[in-house]
Amino acid sequence: GISSYTDTTLAANTWYYYRVYVIDSFGFSAASNVDSARTEVNTAPVPVVLAGTLSTDSSSFRLSWTESAEEDFASYRIYRRTSPGVTINDPLVAILNNRGTDNTTDFVDGSATVYYKIFVFDRHGLNAGSNEIQLTK
C-alpha cells in the first residue's frame, strides 16, 4: 500500500540511485527501472547584521539582528570576547534554535568593553559570522 518514500539521510552534492523491488508472497520479485537524482551543493548561510545597545539601567547589553533566511537553518550562536576578532572559539553567550528569534540580552558584570558576533549555523554545520560590534558599559 505504500507508493512513495522520502529519503531524509542525504548528503549534499551527491548522486543517489534508486530501484524499487516488488516481492510477492511466493518470493518472486520484479524490479523497477533505476532512477537517479543529485542533491544540491550545500553553501554557508548568509550572515545576519548584528546591532546592540546598553540597557537603560546599564546592567546588560541588548543584542538584535536581522532574521536569517537560511532554508536549512539550525541555530544562531552568539560569541563574545574583550578584544576585537570574535570567533566561534570564544566564549559562547547563547544558542538560539528559532530562526524567528531576533534579539537577546547579555548580562555582563562590572565595567567592560565587549565585542560580539553572531553566527548562523545550518544543519550541516556550515556557518557564517555577522559584523562584529563593540559595546561598553
N, C-alpha and C. Protein backbone atom coordinates (compact mmCIF):
# COMPACT_ATOMS: atom_id res chain seq x y z
N GLY A 1 0.79 -1.19 0.00
CA GLY A 1 0.00 0.00 0.00
C GLY A 1 0.84 1.27 0.00
N ILE A 2 2.15 1.18 0.12
CA ILE A 2 2.99 2.38 0.14
C ILE A 2 3.42 2.70 -1.30
N SER A 3 3.20 3.94 -1.71
CA SER A 3 3.54 4.31 -3.09
C SER A 3 4.57 5.44 -3.17
N SER A 4 5.11 5.87 -2.01
CA SER A 4 6.14 6.90 -2.03
C SER A 4 7.06 6.72 -0.83
N TYR A 5 8.23 7.34 -0.94
CA TYR A 5 9.23 7.25 0.12
C TYR A 5 10.04 8.53 0.07
N THR A 6 10.36 9.09 1.23
CA THR A 6 11.21 10.27 1.31
C THR A 6 12.49 9.88 2.02
N ASP A 7 13.60 10.05 1.34
CA ASP A 7 14.91 9.75 1.90
C ASP A 7 15.42 11.00 2.61
N THR A 8 15.58 10.93 3.91
CA THR A 8 15.98 12.11 4.69
C THR A 8 17.43 12.02 5.19
N THR A 9 18.20 11.08 4.67
CA THR A 9 19.57 10.89 5.15
C THR A 9 20.59 11.24 4.07
N LEU A 10 20.29 12.22 3.26
CA LEU A 10 21.13 12.55 2.11
C LEU A 10 22.25 13.52 2.44
N ALA A 11 23.35 13.35 1.76
CA ALA A 11 24.48 14.28 1.86
C ALA A 11 24.41 15.27 0.71
N ALA A 12 24.99 16.43 0.89
CA ALA A 12 25.00 17.46 -0.14
C ALA A 12 25.89 17.05 -1.31
N ASN A 13 25.53 17.51 -2.50
CA ASN A 13 26.33 17.35 -3.71
C ASN A 13 26.70 15.88 -3.96
N THR A 14 25.70 15.00 -3.89
CA THR A 14 25.92 13.56 -4.04
C THR A 14 24.85 12.97 -4.96
N TRP A 15 25.27 12.05 -5.82
CA TRP A 15 24.32 11.32 -6.67
C TRP A 15 23.75 10.15 -5.88
N TYR A 16 22.42 9.95 -6.01
CA TYR A 16 21.75 8.81 -5.40
C TYR A 16 20.97 8.07 -6.48
N TYR A 17 20.97 6.74 -6.37
CA TYR A 17 20.30 5.88 -7.34
C TYR A 17 19.27 5.04 -6.60
N TYR A 18 18.10 4.89 -7.19
CA TYR A 18 17.01 4.17 -6.53
C TYR A 18 16.38 3.16 -7.48
N ARG A 19 15.99 2.01 -6.91
CA ARG A 19 15.25 0.98 -7.64
C ARG A 19 14.27 0.38 -6.65
N VAL A 20 13.07 0.14 -7.10
CA VAL A 20 12.03 -0.46 -6.26
C VAL A 20 11.86 -1.92 -6.66
N TYR A 21 11.79 -2.79 -5.67
CA TYR A 21 11.54 -4.20 -5.91
C TYR A 21 10.18 -4.56 -5.34
N VAL A 22 9.42 -5.34 -6.10
CA VAL A 22 8.14 -5.85 -5.63
C VAL A 22 8.33 -7.35 -5.45
N ILE A 23 7.97 -7.83 -4.26
CA ILE A 23 8.13 -9.25 -3.95
C ILE A 23 6.78 -9.80 -3.55
N ASP A 24 6.35 -10.87 -4.21
CA ASP A 24 5.04 -11.44 -3.89
C ASP A 24 5.18 -12.47 -2.76
N SER A 25 4.09 -13.04 -2.36
CA SER A 25 4.08 -13.95 -1.22
C SER A 25 4.82 -15.26 -1.50
N PHE A 26 5.12 -15.56 -2.77
CA PHE A 26 5.87 -16.77 -3.12
C PHE A 26 7.37 -16.49 -3.23
N GLY A 27 7.78 -15.23 -3.06
CA GLY A 27 9.18 -14.88 -3.14
C GLY A 27 9.64 -14.44 -4.51
N PHE A 28 8.71 -14.38 -5.48
CA PHE A 28 9.08 -13.88 -6.80
C PHE A 28 9.18 -12.36 -6.75
N SER A 29 10.12 -11.82 -7.51
CA SER A 29 10.31 -10.37 -7.46
C SER A 29 10.42 -9.79 -8.86
N ALA A 30 10.15 -8.52 -8.91
CA ALA A 30 10.32 -7.75 -10.15
C ALA A 30 10.89 -6.40 -9.75
N ALA A 31 11.81 -5.92 -10.59
CA ALA A 31 12.49 -4.66 -10.28
C ALA A 31 12.02 -3.56 -11.22
N SER A 32 11.95 -2.36 -10.68
CA SER A 32 11.62 -1.20 -11.49
C SER A 32 12.86 -0.74 -12.24
N ASN A 33 12.69 0.26 -13.05
CA ASN A 33 13.84 0.91 -13.66
C ASN A 33 14.64 1.62 -12.56
N VAL A 34 15.86 2.02 -12.88
CA VAL A 34 16.69 2.77 -11.94
C VAL A 34 16.47 4.25 -12.21
N ASP A 35 16.26 5.00 -11.14
CA ASP A 35 16.15 6.45 -11.26
C ASP A 35 17.24 7.07 -10.40
N SER A 36 17.66 8.26 -10.77
CA SER A 36 18.73 8.90 -10.02
C SER A 36 18.43 10.38 -9.82
N ALA A 37 19.08 10.94 -8.83
CA ALA A 37 18.96 12.37 -8.56
C ALA A 37 20.21 12.81 -7.81
N ARG A 38 20.57 14.06 -8.00
CA ARG A 38 21.74 14.62 -7.31
C ARG A 38 21.26 15.70 -6.35
N THR A 39 21.77 15.66 -5.14
CA THR A 39 21.41 16.68 -4.17
C THR A 39 22.18 17.96 -4.48
N GLU A 40 21.66 19.07 -4.02
CA GLU A 40 22.29 20.36 -4.27
C GLU A 40 23.55 20.54 -3.43
N VAL A 41 24.40 21.41 -3.89
CA VAL A 41 25.60 21.77 -3.14
C VAL A 41 25.17 22.58 -1.93
N ASN A 42 25.67 22.23 -0.76
CA ASN A 42 25.34 22.99 0.44
C ASN A 42 26.31 24.16 0.56
N THR A 43 25.77 25.34 0.69
CA THR A 43 26.60 26.53 0.85
C THR A 43 26.39 27.12 2.24
N ALA A 44 27.36 27.87 2.68
CA ALA A 44 27.27 28.50 4.00
C ALA A 44 26.11 29.49 4.03
N PRO A 45 25.49 29.68 5.18
CA PRO A 45 24.40 30.64 5.30
C PRO A 45 24.87 32.07 5.01
N VAL A 46 23.91 32.91 4.68
CA VAL A 46 24.19 34.34 4.52
C VAL A 46 24.26 34.95 5.92
N PRO A 47 25.28 35.75 6.21
CA PRO A 47 25.38 36.34 7.56
C PRO A 47 24.23 37.31 7.84
N VAL A 48 23.90 37.44 9.11
CA VAL A 48 22.91 38.43 9.54
C VAL A 48 23.66 39.69 9.97
N VAL A 49 22.91 40.76 10.19
CA VAL A 49 23.50 42.03 10.63
C VAL A 49 23.19 42.20 12.11
N LEU A 50 24.23 42.39 12.91
CA LEU A 50 24.11 42.49 14.37
C LEU A 50 24.17 43.95 14.81
N ALA A 51 23.34 44.28 15.80
CA ALA A 51 23.36 45.61 16.43
C ALA A 51 23.21 45.40 17.94
N GLY A 52 23.58 46.42 18.72
CA GLY A 52 23.46 46.28 20.17
C GLY A 52 23.41 47.62 20.86
N THR A 53 22.83 47.59 22.05
CA THR A 53 22.74 48.80 22.88
C THR A 53 22.91 48.41 24.34
N LEU A 54 23.27 49.38 25.15
CA LEU A 54 23.33 49.21 26.59
C LEU A 54 21.93 49.40 27.14
N SER A 55 21.52 48.55 28.08
CA SER A 55 20.18 48.69 28.67
C SER A 55 20.06 50.01 29.42
N THR A 56 18.84 50.45 29.65
CA THR A 56 18.61 51.74 30.32
C THR A 56 19.15 51.75 31.74
N ASP A 57 19.19 50.59 32.40
CA ASP A 57 19.73 50.54 33.76
C ASP A 57 21.22 50.16 33.78
N SER A 58 21.84 50.09 32.63
CA SER A 58 23.28 49.78 32.46
C SER A 58 23.70 48.43 33.04
N SER A 59 22.76 47.49 33.15
CA SER A 59 23.10 46.18 33.71
C SER A 59 23.37 45.12 32.64
N SER A 60 22.99 45.43 31.40
CA SER A 60 23.12 44.41 30.36
C SER A 60 23.22 45.06 28.98
N PHE A 61 23.58 44.22 28.01
CA PHE A 61 23.59 44.64 26.62
C PHE A 61 22.43 43.94 25.91
N ARG A 62 21.71 44.71 25.12
CA ARG A 62 20.62 44.14 24.32
C ARG A 62 21.14 43.99 22.90
N LEU A 63 21.14 42.76 22.41
CA LEU A 63 21.61 42.45 21.06
C LEU A 63 20.42 42.16 20.17
N SER A 64 20.45 42.66 18.95
CA SER A 64 19.40 42.37 17.98
C SER A 64 20.05 42.16 16.61
N TRP A 65 19.36 41.45 15.74
CA TRP A 65 19.91 41.13 14.42
C TRP A 65 18.80 40.92 13.42
N THR A 66 19.19 40.93 12.15
CA THR A 66 18.25 40.65 11.08
C THR A 66 17.98 39.14 11.05
N GLU A 67 16.81 38.75 10.63
CA GLU A 67 16.44 37.33 10.62
C GLU A 67 17.13 36.60 9.46
N SER A 68 17.60 35.40 9.74
CA SER A 68 18.22 34.57 8.71
C SER A 68 17.17 34.01 7.77
N ALA A 69 17.51 33.92 6.49
CA ALA A 69 16.62 33.31 5.50
C ALA A 69 17.11 31.91 5.12
N GLU A 70 18.04 31.37 5.89
CA GLU A 70 18.64 30.07 5.59
C GLU A 70 17.58 28.96 5.60
N GLU A 71 17.47 28.21 4.49
CA GLU A 71 16.48 27.14 4.39
C GLU A 71 16.75 26.00 5.36
N ASP A 72 18.02 25.64 5.54
CA ASP A 72 18.32 24.55 6.48
C ASP A 72 18.92 25.11 7.78
N PHE A 73 18.31 26.18 8.26
CA PHE A 73 18.71 26.85 9.50
C PHE A 73 18.74 25.85 10.65
N ALA A 74 19.81 25.95 11.47
CA ALA A 74 19.90 25.14 12.68
C ALA A 74 19.89 26.02 13.93
N SER A 75 20.73 27.08 13.93
CA SER A 75 20.79 27.92 15.14
C SER A 75 21.53 29.22 14.88
N TYR A 76 21.25 30.15 15.78
CA TYR A 76 22.10 31.34 15.94
C TYR A 76 23.01 31.04 17.12
N ARG A 77 24.28 31.39 17.02
CA ARG A 77 25.19 31.23 18.15
C ARG A 77 25.92 32.56 18.34
N ILE A 78 25.81 33.09 19.54
CA ILE A 78 26.39 34.39 19.84
C ILE A 78 27.64 34.19 20.70
N TYR A 79 28.72 34.83 20.27
CA TYR A 79 30.00 34.74 20.96
C TYR A 79 30.47 36.13 21.35
N ARG A 80 31.31 36.19 22.39
CA ARG A 80 31.86 37.48 22.84
C ARG A 80 33.27 37.31 23.33
N ARG A 81 33.97 38.43 23.37
CA ARG A 81 35.31 38.50 23.97
C ARG A 81 35.60 39.94 24.30
N THR A 82 36.68 40.19 25.01
CA THR A 82 37.02 41.55 25.45
C THR A 82 37.99 42.26 24.52
N SER A 83 38.29 41.66 23.39
CA SER A 83 39.13 42.31 22.38
C SER A 83 38.57 41.98 21.00
N PRO A 84 38.92 42.76 19.99
CA PRO A 84 38.37 42.51 18.65
C PRO A 84 38.79 41.14 18.10
N GLY A 85 38.01 40.66 17.13
CA GLY A 85 38.33 39.41 16.46
C GLY A 85 37.56 38.21 16.98
N VAL A 86 36.28 38.36 17.26
CA VAL A 86 35.44 37.29 17.80
C VAL A 86 35.35 36.13 16.81
N THR A 87 35.54 34.91 17.32
CA THR A 87 35.40 33.69 16.52
C THR A 87 34.53 32.69 17.27
N ILE A 88 34.28 31.55 16.65
CA ILE A 88 33.48 30.51 17.31
C ILE A 88 34.27 29.77 18.40
N ASN A 89 35.52 30.15 18.58
CA ASN A 89 36.32 29.57 19.66
C ASN A 89 36.27 30.41 20.94
N ASP A 90 35.57 31.54 20.88
CA ASP A 90 35.45 32.42 22.03
C ASP A 90 34.27 31.99 22.90
N PRO A 91 34.12 32.60 24.10
CA PRO A 91 33.02 32.22 24.99
C PRO A 91 31.65 32.37 24.31
N LEU A 92 30.85 31.33 24.45
CA LEU A 92 29.50 31.28 23.87
C LEU A 92 28.52 31.96 24.81
N VAL A 93 27.78 32.93 24.29
CA VAL A 93 26.77 33.65 25.08
C VAL A 93 25.45 32.89 25.04
N ALA A 94 25.04 32.46 23.84
CA ALA A 94 23.74 31.79 23.70
C ALA A 94 23.67 31.02 22.40
N ILE A 95 22.85 29.95 22.43
CA ILE A 95 22.46 29.23 21.23
C ILE A 95 20.95 29.37 21.13
N LEU A 96 20.48 29.89 20.01
CA LEU A 96 19.05 30.12 19.81
C LEU A 96 18.62 29.33 18.58
N ASN A 97 17.68 28.41 18.77
CA ASN A 97 17.30 27.49 17.71
C ASN A 97 16.08 27.91 16.89
N ASN A 98 15.49 29.05 17.22
CA ASN A 98 14.33 29.53 16.49
C ASN A 98 14.77 30.61 15.50
N ARG A 99 14.60 30.35 14.22
CA ARG A 99 15.03 31.31 13.20
C ARG A 99 14.34 32.66 13.36
N GLY A 100 13.13 32.69 13.89
CA GLY A 100 12.39 33.93 14.08
C GLY A 100 12.87 34.77 15.25
N THR A 101 13.71 34.23 16.11
CA THR A 101 14.27 34.99 17.23
C THR A 101 15.23 36.03 16.67
N ASP A 102 15.09 37.29 17.10
CA ASP A 102 15.96 38.34 16.55
C ASP A 102 16.56 39.23 17.63
N ASN A 103 16.55 38.77 18.89
CA ASN A 103 17.18 39.56 19.95
C ASN A 103 17.42 38.71 21.18
N THR A 104 18.33 39.18 22.01
CA THR A 104 18.59 38.55 23.30
C THR A 104 19.30 39.57 24.18
N THR A 105 19.42 39.25 25.45
CA THR A 105 20.09 40.13 26.41
C THR A 105 21.27 39.38 27.01
N ASP A 106 22.38 40.09 27.17
CA ASP A 106 23.57 39.51 27.79
C ASP A 106 23.95 40.37 29.00
N PHE A 107 24.00 39.76 30.17
CA PHE A 107 24.36 40.45 31.39
C PHE A 107 25.87 40.33 31.61
N VAL A 108 26.54 41.46 31.76
CA VAL A 108 27.98 41.50 31.96
C VAL A 108 28.26 42.25 33.26
N ASP A 109 29.00 41.62 34.17
CA ASP A 109 29.32 42.25 35.45
C ASP A 109 30.35 43.36 35.30
N GLY A 110 30.18 44.40 36.08
CA GLY A 110 31.17 45.48 36.15
C GLY A 110 31.30 46.27 34.87
N SER A 111 32.27 47.17 34.86
CA SER A 111 32.54 47.96 33.66
C SER A 111 33.29 47.08 32.68
N ALA A 112 32.90 47.15 31.44
CA ALA A 112 33.55 46.31 30.44
C ALA A 112 33.30 46.83 29.04
N THR A 113 34.25 46.56 28.17
CA THR A 113 34.05 46.71 26.74
C THR A 113 34.02 45.29 26.19
N VAL A 114 32.96 44.98 25.47
CA VAL A 114 32.76 43.62 24.98
C VAL A 114 32.52 43.67 23.48
N TYR A 115 33.08 42.70 22.78
CA TYR A 115 32.90 42.56 21.34
C TYR A 115 32.02 41.34 21.10
N TYR A 116 31.05 41.48 20.21
CA TYR A 116 30.10 40.41 19.93
C TYR A 116 30.07 40.10 18.44
N LYS A 117 29.72 38.83 18.16
CA LYS A 117 29.47 38.40 16.79
C LYS A 117 28.46 37.26 16.87
N ILE A 118 27.52 37.25 15.94
CA ILE A 118 26.53 36.17 15.89
C ILE A 118 26.78 35.35 14.63
N PHE A 119 26.77 34.04 14.79
CA PHE A 119 26.98 33.13 13.68
C PHE A 119 25.69 32.38 13.38
N VAL A 120 25.36 32.26 12.11
CA VAL A 120 24.23 31.45 11.67
C VAL A 120 24.79 30.09 11.27
N PHE A 121 24.27 29.03 11.88
CA PHE A 121 24.68 27.66 11.56
C PHE A 121 23.57 26.96 10.81
N ASP A 122 23.94 26.16 9.80
CA ASP A 122 22.94 25.34 9.13
C ASP A 122 23.00 23.92 9.69
N ARG A 123 22.10 23.06 9.24
CA ARG A 123 22.02 21.70 9.79
C ARG A 123 23.23 20.83 9.43
N HIS A 124 24.08 21.32 8.53
CA HIS A 124 25.26 20.56 8.14
C HIS A 124 26.53 21.09 8.81
N GLY A 125 26.36 22.08 9.70
CA GLY A 125 27.50 22.62 10.43
C GLY A 125 28.19 23.79 9.76
N LEU A 126 27.75 24.16 8.54
CA LEU A 126 28.33 25.34 7.92
C LEU A 126 27.83 26.58 8.66
N ASN A 127 28.65 27.62 8.70
CA ASN A 127 28.25 28.82 9.43
C ASN A 127 28.80 30.06 8.77
N ALA A 128 28.19 31.18 9.13
CA ALA A 128 28.64 32.49 8.64
C ALA A 128 28.49 33.48 9.78
N GLY A 129 29.51 34.29 9.98
CA GLY A 129 29.52 35.28 11.06
C GLY A 129 29.05 36.64 10.62
N SER A 130 28.36 37.31 11.50
CA SER A 130 27.86 38.67 11.26
C SER A 130 29.00 39.68 11.36
N ASN A 131 28.62 40.92 11.24
CA ASN A 131 29.54 42.00 11.58
C ASN A 131 29.85 41.92 13.07
N GLU A 132 30.98 42.44 13.46
CA GLU A 132 31.36 42.47 14.88
C GLU A 132 30.99 43.82 15.46
N ILE A 133 30.41 43.81 16.66
CA ILE A 133 30.08 45.07 17.32
C ILE A 133 30.83 45.19 18.63
N GLN A 134 31.05 46.43 19.06
CA GLN A 134 31.71 46.73 20.31
C GLN A 134 30.73 47.49 21.18
N LEU A 135 30.55 47.03 22.42
CA LEU A 135 29.66 47.71 23.37
C LEU A 135 30.43 47.94 24.67
N THR A 136 30.19 49.09 25.28
CA THR A 136 30.89 49.46 26.50
C THR A 136 29.88 49.88 27.56
N LYS A 137 30.15 49.44 28.81
CA LYS A 137 29.30 49.90 29.92
C LYS A 137 30.15 50.41 31.04
